[in-house]
Every structure is written in structure tokens, then in C-alpha cells.
C-alpha atoms as a PDB file:
ATOM      1  CA  MET A   1       9.388 -14.031 -29.721  1.00  0.00           C
ATOM      2  CA  ARG A   2      10.711 -16.795 -27.477  1.00  0.00           C
ATOM      3  CA  SER A   3       9.037 -19.912 -26.174  1.00  0.00           C
ATOM      4  CA  SER A   4       9.448 -22.062 -23.075  1.00  0.00           C
ATOM      5  CA  GLN A   5       7.323 -25.215 -23.086  1.00  0.00           C
ATOM      6  CA  ALA A   6       3.807 -23.989 -23.834  1.00  0.00           C
ATOM      7  CA  ILE A   7       4.532 -20.317 -23.018  1.00  0.00           C
ATOM      8  CA  THR A   8       5.346 -17.756 -25.685  1.00  0.00           C
ATOM      9  CA  ILE A   9       6.829 -14.378 -24.788  1.00  0.00           C
ATOM     10  CA  ARG A  10       6.117 -11.421 -27.049  1.00  0.00           C
ATOM     11  CA  ARG A  11       6.466  -7.669 -26.857  1.00  0.00           C
ATOM     12  CA  GLY A  12       3.291  -5.647 -26.595  1.00  0.00           C
ATOM     13  CA  VAL A  13      -0.207  -6.440 -25.363  1.00  0.00           C
ATOM     14  CA  PRO A  14      -1.937  -8.436 -28.128  1.00  0.00           C
ATOM     15  CA  PRO A  15      -4.821  -6.603 -29.828  1.00  0.00           C
ATOM     16  CA  GLY A  16      -8.102  -7.626 -28.244  1.00  0.00           C
ATOM     17  CA  ALA A  17      -6.471  -8.656 -24.955  1.00  0.00           C
ATOM     18  CA  GLU A  18      -6.916  -5.295 -23.221  1.00  0.00           C
ATOM     19  CA  ARG A  19      -9.598  -6.485 -20.810  1.00  0.00           C
ATOM     20  CA  ARG A  20      -7.662  -9.623 -19.964  1.00  0.00           C
ATOM     21  CA  ALA A  21      -4.491  -7.571 -19.382  1.00  0.00           C
ATOM     22  CA  ALA A  22      -6.400  -5.209 -17.100  1.00  0.00           C
ATOM     23  CA  GLU A  23      -7.846  -8.147 -15.144  1.00  0.00           C
ATOM     24  CA  LEU A  24      -4.386  -9.632 -14.596  1.00  0.00           C
ATOM     25  CA  TYR A  25      -3.012  -6.254 -13.555  1.00  0.00           C
ATOM     26  CA  TRP A  26      -5.887  -5.679 -11.158  1.00  0.00           C
ATOM     27  CA  GLU A  27      -5.576  -9.165  -9.655  1.00  0.00           C
ATOM     28  CA  ALA A  28      -1.933  -8.374  -8.875  1.00  0.00           C
ATOM     29  CA  PHE A  29      -2.267  -4.763  -7.759  1.00  0.00           C
ATOM     30  CA  GLY A  30      -5.914  -4.215  -6.875  1.00  0.00           C
ATOM     31  CA  ARG A  31      -5.225  -4.120  -3.126  1.00  0.00           C
ATOM     32  CA  LYS A  32      -2.805  -1.248  -3.667  1.00  0.00           C
ATOM     33  CA  LEU A  33      -4.791   0.570  -6.346  1.00  0.00           C
ATOM     34  CA  GLY A  34      -8.253  -0.077  -4.926  1.00  0.00           C
ATOM     35  CA  PRO A  35      -8.612   3.134  -2.905  1.00  0.00           C
ATOM     36  CA  ALA A  36      -7.851   5.156  -6.034  1.00  0.00           C
ATOM     37  CA  LEU A  37      -9.775   3.169  -8.668  1.00  0.00           C
ATOM     38  CA  ASN A  38     -12.497   1.077  -6.974  1.00  0.00           C
ATOM     39  CA  PRO A  39     -15.077  -0.356  -7.545  1.00  0.00           C
ATOM     40  CA  PRO A  40     -13.203  -3.260  -9.204  1.00  0.00           C
ATOM     41  CA  ASP A  41     -15.249  -3.559 -12.394  1.00  0.00           C
ATOM     42  CA  LYS A  42     -14.958   0.164 -13.057  1.00  0.00           C
ATOM     43  CA  ALA A  43     -11.245   0.026 -12.268  1.00  0.00           C
ATOM     44  CA  VAL A  44     -10.621  -2.835 -14.704  1.00  0.00           C
ATOM     45  CA  GLY A  45     -12.548  -0.981 -17.385  1.00  0.00           C
ATOM     46  CA  PHE A  46     -10.540   2.183 -16.788  1.00  0.00           C
ATOM     47  CA  ILE A  47      -7.212   0.331 -16.955  1.00  0.00           C
ATOM     48  CA  ALA A  48      -8.249  -1.525 -20.124  1.00  0.00           C
ATOM     49  CA  ALA A  49      -9.339   1.683 -21.835  1.00  0.00           C
ATOM     50  CA  HIS A  50      -6.058   3.446 -21.137  1.00  0.00           C
ATOM     51  CA  LEU A  51      -3.437   0.742 -21.668  1.00  0.00           C
ATOM     52  CA  ASN A  52      -0.357   1.625 -23.665  1.00  0.00           C
ATOM     53  CA  HIS A  53       0.005  -1.604 -25.628  1.00  0.00           C
ATOM     54  CA  ASP A  54       3.651  -1.015 -26.548  1.00  0.00           C
ATOM     55  CA  ARG A  55       4.820  -0.655 -22.950  1.00  0.00           C
ATOM     56  CA  ALA A  56       4.594  -4.309 -21.989  1.00  0.00           C
ATOM     57  CA  VAL A  57       5.968  -7.745 -22.606  1.00  0.00           C
ATOM     58  CA  ALA A  58       3.357 -10.499 -22.566  1.00  0.00           C
ATOM     59  CA  ALA A  59       3.243 -14.228 -21.833  1.00  0.00           C
ATOM     60  CA  LEU A  60       0.807 -16.328 -23.844  1.00  0.00           C
ATOM     61  CA  ALA A  61      -0.361 -19.907 -23.341  1.00  0.00           C
ATOM     62  CA  GLY A  62      -1.720 -20.607 -26.787  1.00  0.00           C
ATOM     63  CA  ASP A  63      -3.659 -17.450 -27.546  1.00  0.00           C
ATOM     64  CA  ARG A  64      -4.526 -16.710 -23.898  1.00  0.00           C
ATOM     65  CA  LEU A  65      -2.690 -13.958 -22.046  1.00  0.00           C
ATOM     66  CA  VAL A  66      -1.334 -15.434 -18.800  1.00  0.00           C
ATOM     67  CA  GLY A  67       1.182 -12.809 -17.732  1.00  0.00           C
ATOM     68  CA  LEU A  68       2.566  -9.392 -18.497  1.00  0.00           C
ATOM     69  CA  ALA A  69       5.193  -6.985 -17.275  1.00  0.00           C
ATOM     70  CA  GLY A  70       4.927  -3.273 -17.949  1.00  0.00           C
ATOM     71  CA  TYR A  71       7.635  -0.657 -18.218  1.00  0.00           C
ATOM     72  CA  ARG A  72       7.979   3.101 -18.478  1.00  0.00           C
ATOM     73  CA  HIS A  73       9.809   4.678 -21.409  1.00  0.00           C
ATOM     74  CA  ALA A  74       9.736   8.181 -22.888  1.00  0.00           C
ATOM     75  CA  GLY A  75       7.140   9.311 -20.360  1.00  0.00           C
ATOM     76  CA  ARG A  76       4.658   6.507 -21.043  1.00  0.00           C
ATOM     77  CA  ALA A  77       3.930   3.418 -18.938  1.00  0.00           C
ATOM     78  CA  LEU A  78       1.732   0.359 -19.410  1.00  0.00           C
ATOM     79  CA  THR A  79      -1.071   1.910 -17.368  1.00  0.00           C
ATOM     80  CA  GLY A  80      -2.055   5.234 -18.866  1.00  0.00           C
ATOM     81  CA  GLY A  81      -4.804   7.749 -18.381  1.00  0.00           C
ATOM     82  CA  THR A  82      -4.456  11.457 -17.641  1.00  0.00           C
ATOM     83  CA  ALA A  83      -5.819  13.424 -14.713  1.00  0.00           C
ATOM     84  CA  GLY A  84      -8.620  14.500 -17.029  1.00  0.00           C
ATOM     85  CA  ASP A  85      -9.450  10.867 -17.799  1.00  0.00           C
ATOM     86  CA  VAL A  86      -9.762  10.112 -14.081  1.00  0.00           C
ATOM     87  CA  LEU A  87     -11.999  13.123 -13.509  1.00  0.00           C
ATOM     88  CA  ARG A  88     -14.195  12.246 -16.474  1.00  0.00           C
ATOM     89  CA  SER A  89     -14.560   8.632 -15.335  1.00  0.00           C
ATOM     90  CA  TYR A  90     -15.083   9.229 -11.602  1.00  0.00           C
ATOM     91  CA  GLY A  91     -16.424  12.769 -11.448  1.00  0.00           C
ATOM     92  CA  LEU A  92     -14.825  15.876  -9.980  1.00  0.00           C
ATOM     93  CA  LEU A  93     -15.621  15.340  -6.302  1.00  0.00           C
ATOM     94  CA  SER A  94     -14.609  11.680  -6.308  1.00  0.00           C
ATOM     95  CA  GLY A  95     -11.805  12.090  -8.835  1.00  0.00           C
ATOM     96  CA  LEU A  96      -9.695  14.696  -7.024  1.00  0.00           C
ATOM     97  CA  PRO A  97      -8.899  12.548  -3.959  1.00  0.00           C
ATOM     98  CA  ARG A  98      -8.264   9.602  -6.284  1.00  0.00           C
ATOM     99  CA  LEU A  99      -5.668  11.654  -8.143  1.00  0.00           C
ATOM    100  CA  ALA A 100      -3.983  12.471  -4.838  1.00  0.00           C
ATOM    101  CA  LEU A 101      -3.743   8.766  -3.997  1.00  0.00           C
ATOM    102  CA  LEU A 102      -2.349   7.890  -7.432  1.00  0.00           C
ATOM    103  CA  ALA A 103       0.277  10.606  -7.025  1.00  0.00           C
ATOM    104  CA  LEU A 104       1.557   8.824  -3.899  1.00  0.00           C
ATOM    105  CA  LEU A 105       2.465   5.828  -6.082  1.00  0.00           C
ATOM    106  CA  GLU A 106       4.485   7.768  -8.657  1.00  0.00           C
ATOM    107  CA  ARG A 107       8.211   7.054  -8.866  1.00  0.00           C
ATOM    108  CA  ASP A 108      10.555   9.130 -11.032  1.00  0.00           C
ATOM    109  CA  PRO A 109      13.280   7.197 -12.885  1.00  0.00           C
ATOM    110  CA  ALA A 110      16.932   8.136 -12.612  1.00  0.00           C
ATOM    111  CA  PRO A 111      18.949   8.665 -15.814  1.00  0.00           C
ATOM    112  CA  GLY A 112      19.759   5.381 -17.503  1.00  0.00           C
ATOM    113  CA  GLU A 113      17.029   3.415 -15.703  1.00  0.00           C
ATOM    114  CA  LEU A 114      14.150   1.493 -17.217  1.00  0.00           C
ATOM    115  CA  VAL A 115      11.407   1.402 -14.589  1.00  0.00           C
ATOM    116  CA  MET A 116       9.143  -1.636 -14.510  1.00  0.00           C
ATOM    117  CA  ASP A 117       5.435  -0.827 -14.242  1.00  0.00           C
ATOM    118  CA  GLY A 118       4.476  -4.025 -12.446  1.00  0.00           C
ATOM    119  CA  ILE A 119       4.499  -7.729 -13.278  1.00  0.00           C
ATOM    120  CA  ALA A 120       1.366  -9.871 -13.155  1.00  0.00           C
ATOM    121  CA  VAL A 121       0.985 -13.618 -13.707  1.00  0.00           C
ATOM    122  CA  ASP A 122      -2.214 -15.663 -13.810  1.00  0.00           C
ATOM    123  CA  PRO A 123      -2.445 -17.567 -10.488  1.00  0.00           C
ATOM    124  CA  ALA A 124      -2.720 -20.869 -12.373  1.00  0.00           C
ATOM    125  CA  HIS A 125       0.691 -20.242 -13.994  1.00  0.00           C
ATOM    126  CA  ARG A 126       2.619 -18.985 -10.983  1.00  0.00           C
ATOM    127  CA  GLY A 127       5.655 -21.042 -10.098  1.00  0.00           C
ATOM    128  CA  SER A 128       6.037 -22.282 -13.673  1.00  0.00           C
ATOM    129  CA  GLY A 129       8.733 -19.818 -14.763  1.00  0.00           C
ATOM    130  CA  VAL A 130       6.492 -17.242 -16.435  1.00  0.00           C
ATOM    131  CA  GLY A 131       7.702 -14.437 -14.170  1.00  0.00           C
ATOM    132  CA  THR A 132      11.317 -15.292 -14.929  1.00  0.00           C
ATOM    133  CA  LEU A 133      10.675 -15.221 -18.685  1.00  0.00           C
ATOM    134  CA  LEU A 134       8.977 -11.846 -18.412  1.00  0.00           C
ATOM    135  CA  LEU A 135      11.877 -10.406 -16.413  1.00  0.00           C
ATOM    136  CA  GLU A 136      14.361 -11.723 -18.975  1.00  0.00           C
ATOM    137  CA  GLU A 137      12.441 -10.055 -21.776  1.00  0.00           C
ATOM    138  CA  ILE A 138      12.288  -6.783 -19.832  1.00  0.00           C
ATOM    139  CA  GLY A 139      16.085  -6.974 -19.649  1.00  0.00           C
ATOM    140  CA  SER A 140      16.230  -7.398 -23.420  1.00  0.00           C
ATOM    141  CA  VAL A 141      13.928  -4.410 -23.916  1.00  0.00           C
ATOM    142  CA  ALA A 142      16.085  -2.303 -21.601  1.00  0.00           C
ATOM    143  CA  ALA A 143      19.226  -3.234 -23.525  1.00  0.00           C
ATOM    144  CA  ALA A 144      17.595  -2.529 -26.880  1.00  0.00           C
ATOM    145  CA  LEU A 145      16.534   0.923 -25.675  1.00  0.00           C
ATOM    146  CA  GLY A 146      19.996   1.743 -24.345  1.00  0.00           C
ATOM    147  CA  TYR A 147      19.292   1.623 -20.614  1.00  0.00           C
ATOM    148  CA  ARG A 148      22.003   0.674 -18.130  1.00  0.00           C
ATOM    149  CA  ARG A 149      19.760  -0.617 -15.329  1.00  0.00           C
ATOM    150  CA  VAL A 150      16.301  -1.997 -14.697  1.00  0.00           C
ATOM    151  CA  ARG A 151      14.545  -0.672 -11.619  1.00  0.00           C
ATOM    152  CA  LEU A 152      11.421  -1.840  -9.844  1.00  0.00           C
ATOM    153  CA  ASP A 153       9.650  -1.158  -6.566  1.00  0.00           C
ATOM    154  CA  VAL A 154       8.229  -3.955  -4.436  1.00  0.00           C
ATOM    155  CA  VAL A 155       5.974  -3.536  -1.388  1.00  0.00           C
ATOM    156  CA  ASP A 156       6.584  -5.310   1.883  1.00  0.00           C
ATOM    157  CA  GLY A 157       3.375  -7.285   1.479  1.00  0.00           C
ATOM    158  CA  ASN A 158       4.734  -9.156  -1.536  1.00  0.00           C
ATOM    159  CA  PRO A 159       7.688 -11.282  -0.351  1.00  0.00           C
ATOM    160  CA  ARG A 160       7.165 -13.830  -3.134  1.00  0.00           C
ATOM    161  CA  ALA A 161       7.786 -11.197  -5.795  1.00  0.00           C
ATOM    162  CA  ARG A 162      10.843  -9.899  -3.973  1.00  0.00           C
ATOM    163  CA  ALA A 163      12.291 -13.410  -3.793  1.00  0.00           C
ATOM    164  CA  LEU A 164      11.828 -13.774  -7.566  1.00  0.00           C
ATOM    165  CA  TYR A 165      13.559 -10.470  -8.214  1.00  0.00           C
ATOM    166  CA  GLU A 166      16.473 -11.420  -5.984  1.00  0.00           C
ATOM    167  CA  ARG A 167      16.865 -14.742  -7.810  1.00  0.00           C
ATOM    168  CA  ARG A 168      17.005 -12.813 -11.094  1.00  0.00           C
ATOM    169  CA  GLY A 169      19.841 -10.574  -9.929  1.00  0.00           C
ATOM    170  CA  PHE A 170      18.000  -7.563  -8.511  1.00  0.00           C
ATOM    171  CA  THR A 171      19.504  -5.923  -5.423  1.00  0.00           C
ATOM    172  CA  ALA A 172      17.656  -3.781  -2.897  1.00  0.00           C
ATOM    173  CA  THR A 173      19.022  -0.241  -2.927  1.00  0.00           C
ATOM    174  CA  GLY A 174      16.704   1.498  -0.480  1.00  0.00           C
ATOM    175  CA  THR A 175      13.434   1.221   1.431  1.00  0.00           C
ATOM    176  CA  GLU A 176      10.866   3.945   1.982  1.00  0.00           C
ATOM    177  CA  ARG A 177       8.678   3.450   5.050  1.00  0.00           C
ATOM    178  CA  THR A 178       5.004   4.242   4.430  1.00  0.00           C
ATOM    179  CA  PRO A 179       3.141   3.218   7.613  1.00  0.00           C
ATOM    180  CA  TYR A 180       0.382   5.712   6.804  1.00  0.00           C
ATOM    181  CA  LEU A 181      -0.552   3.610   3.750  1.00  0.00           C
ATOM    182  CA  ARG A 182      -0.762   0.208   5.437  1.00  0.00           C
ATOM    183  CA  GLY A 183      -4.390   0.482   6.422  1.00  0.00           C
ATOM    184  CA  LEU A 184      -5.381   2.177   3.180  1.00  0.00           C
ATOM    185  CA  MET A 185      -3.369   0.350   0.512  1.00  0.00           C
ATOM    186  CA  GLY A 186      -2.085  -2.718   2.325  1.00  0.00           C
ATOM    187  CA  PHE A 187       1.639  -1.952   2.521  1.00  0.00           C
ATOM    188  CA  GLY A 188       3.874  -0.129   4.965  1.00  0.00           C
ATOM    189  CA  ALA A 189       7.150   0.004   3.058  1.00  0.00           C
ATOM    190  CA  VAL A 190       8.365   0.121  -0.540  1.00  0.00           C
ATOM    191  CA  THR A 191      11.779  -1.291  -1.466  1.00  0.00           C
ATOM    192  CA  THR A 192      13.554  -0.134  -4.605  1.00  0.00           C
ATOM    193  CA  MET A 193      15.533  -2.846  -6.414  1.00  0.00           C
ATOM    194  CA  ARG A 194      17.913  -2.493  -9.336  1.00  0.00           C
ATOM    195  CA  ARG A 195      19.756  -4.798 -11.724  1.00  0.00           C
ATOM    196  CA  PRO A 196      22.397  -3.857 -14.275  1.00  0.00           C
ATOM    197  CA  VAL A 197      21.554  -4.563 -17.907  1.00  0.00           C
ATOM    198  CA  ALA A 198      23.922  -7.211 -19.260  1.00  0.00           C
ATOM    199  CA  ALA A 199      25.513  -6.528 -22.637  1.00  0.00           C
ATOM    200  CA  THR A 200      24.359  -9.948 -23.863  1.00  0.00           C
ATOM    201  CA  GLU A 201      20.703  -9.087 -23.267  1.00  0.00           C
ATOM    202  CA  GLY A 202      20.515  -6.836 -26.286  1.00  0.00           C
ATOM    203  CA  GLY A 203      20.707  -9.821 -28.613  1.00  0.00           C
ATOM    204  CA  ARG A 204      17.450 -11.447 -27.495  1.00  0.00           C
ATOM    205  CA  GLY A 205      13.965 -10.578 -28.634  1.00  0.00           C
END
């Protein structure tokens, strides 16, 4: 664990914080995920029930979860749930189109890449360095697992996040235009950004 002022960074979602983690994730990505998982309360419950606790780094203020960043490793990401889970939760008729929408958001990692599964920070703690601490810890996780790069995807409707990533050394390597999703999910382009894993990052944790 590491601390900065009143914020502690740890690996993994703390036991009992599943609902809080899902709320933070939904607050950050609900506009994008809404068409696939709405209504919001059901969506938050679904995310909470299928979290992979060990695929995140978390920021705590005291014992309250105020931020988290997920990542994908060995086929598992922070947000889990199989196609069968979606169909059981939403029903066959409603679940099938939801699965199609979720498939549009899938991104396959290249060899040697740790893919981030989103970063979410409590609005009251934004601008206080929490996002930077989470990104630093993701770099440490990537180094510990033997990855050469960290990759993330940022939508065009989130310039604040992109600015943070650029400040932390991420470089845009390509943009996919998705105008057909702007009305549905709120974004019309997705930019892929990558950052090499520094050798010194493996020593933190």
C-alpha cells in the first residue's frame, strides 16, 4: 500500500465495497453502458454481483472507497459476468440485444499489453491527485505481471480523462470513429493510448 495525504492506494476491491465500487464505475461509465445495462439500479446491482475483486487498484479515504481503476489480465477484467449472466438477469428477449451492445465495447489486447478496464474517481475527490495515484499503481501492477505496456481507450466525450493520461505519459496511437454510437452511447470516437512500463515501476506496491 501507498499513501498520499489522506488517500491510501491498495490492490483489490475491499471486501464489502462491491456496491460502492459499482456505483463509482456506473457514475463514470453509465452514459456509455446505459443502453446495455439500464435501468441504473439494476445495472449497479449487476456490476456489483459480478466484480472480479482482484482486477482493480483502489483508492481509500479512511475506509471509504473513493476511486478505482480496473485492468484485464488472464482473460478476466474488473467487470465480469458471462453472456448467461446477462440473459438470466435481463431475460432472453431483452438480453440478446444487450449482449450485442456490450460486444461493441470489447477490445482485444495485443501481446505484452495490460489493458485498463476503466478508471473512476468520486466527484468530490477529482482534481486531488487520486487518478494519478491509481495510474501509477496500475503501472506497478503491469510491471509485476511482466507487461511491457499499459493500454487504455478513451472516448471523445471525456477530454478531462485524456488530458490526465497524456500528463502521465500515455500517447495516442490510433482513433476509431464510431459516429453510429454517438446518439446511443454518447461518443463518436474512441482513441487508443499506450504507455511503456518503466523498469522502476516493478519495485512499488
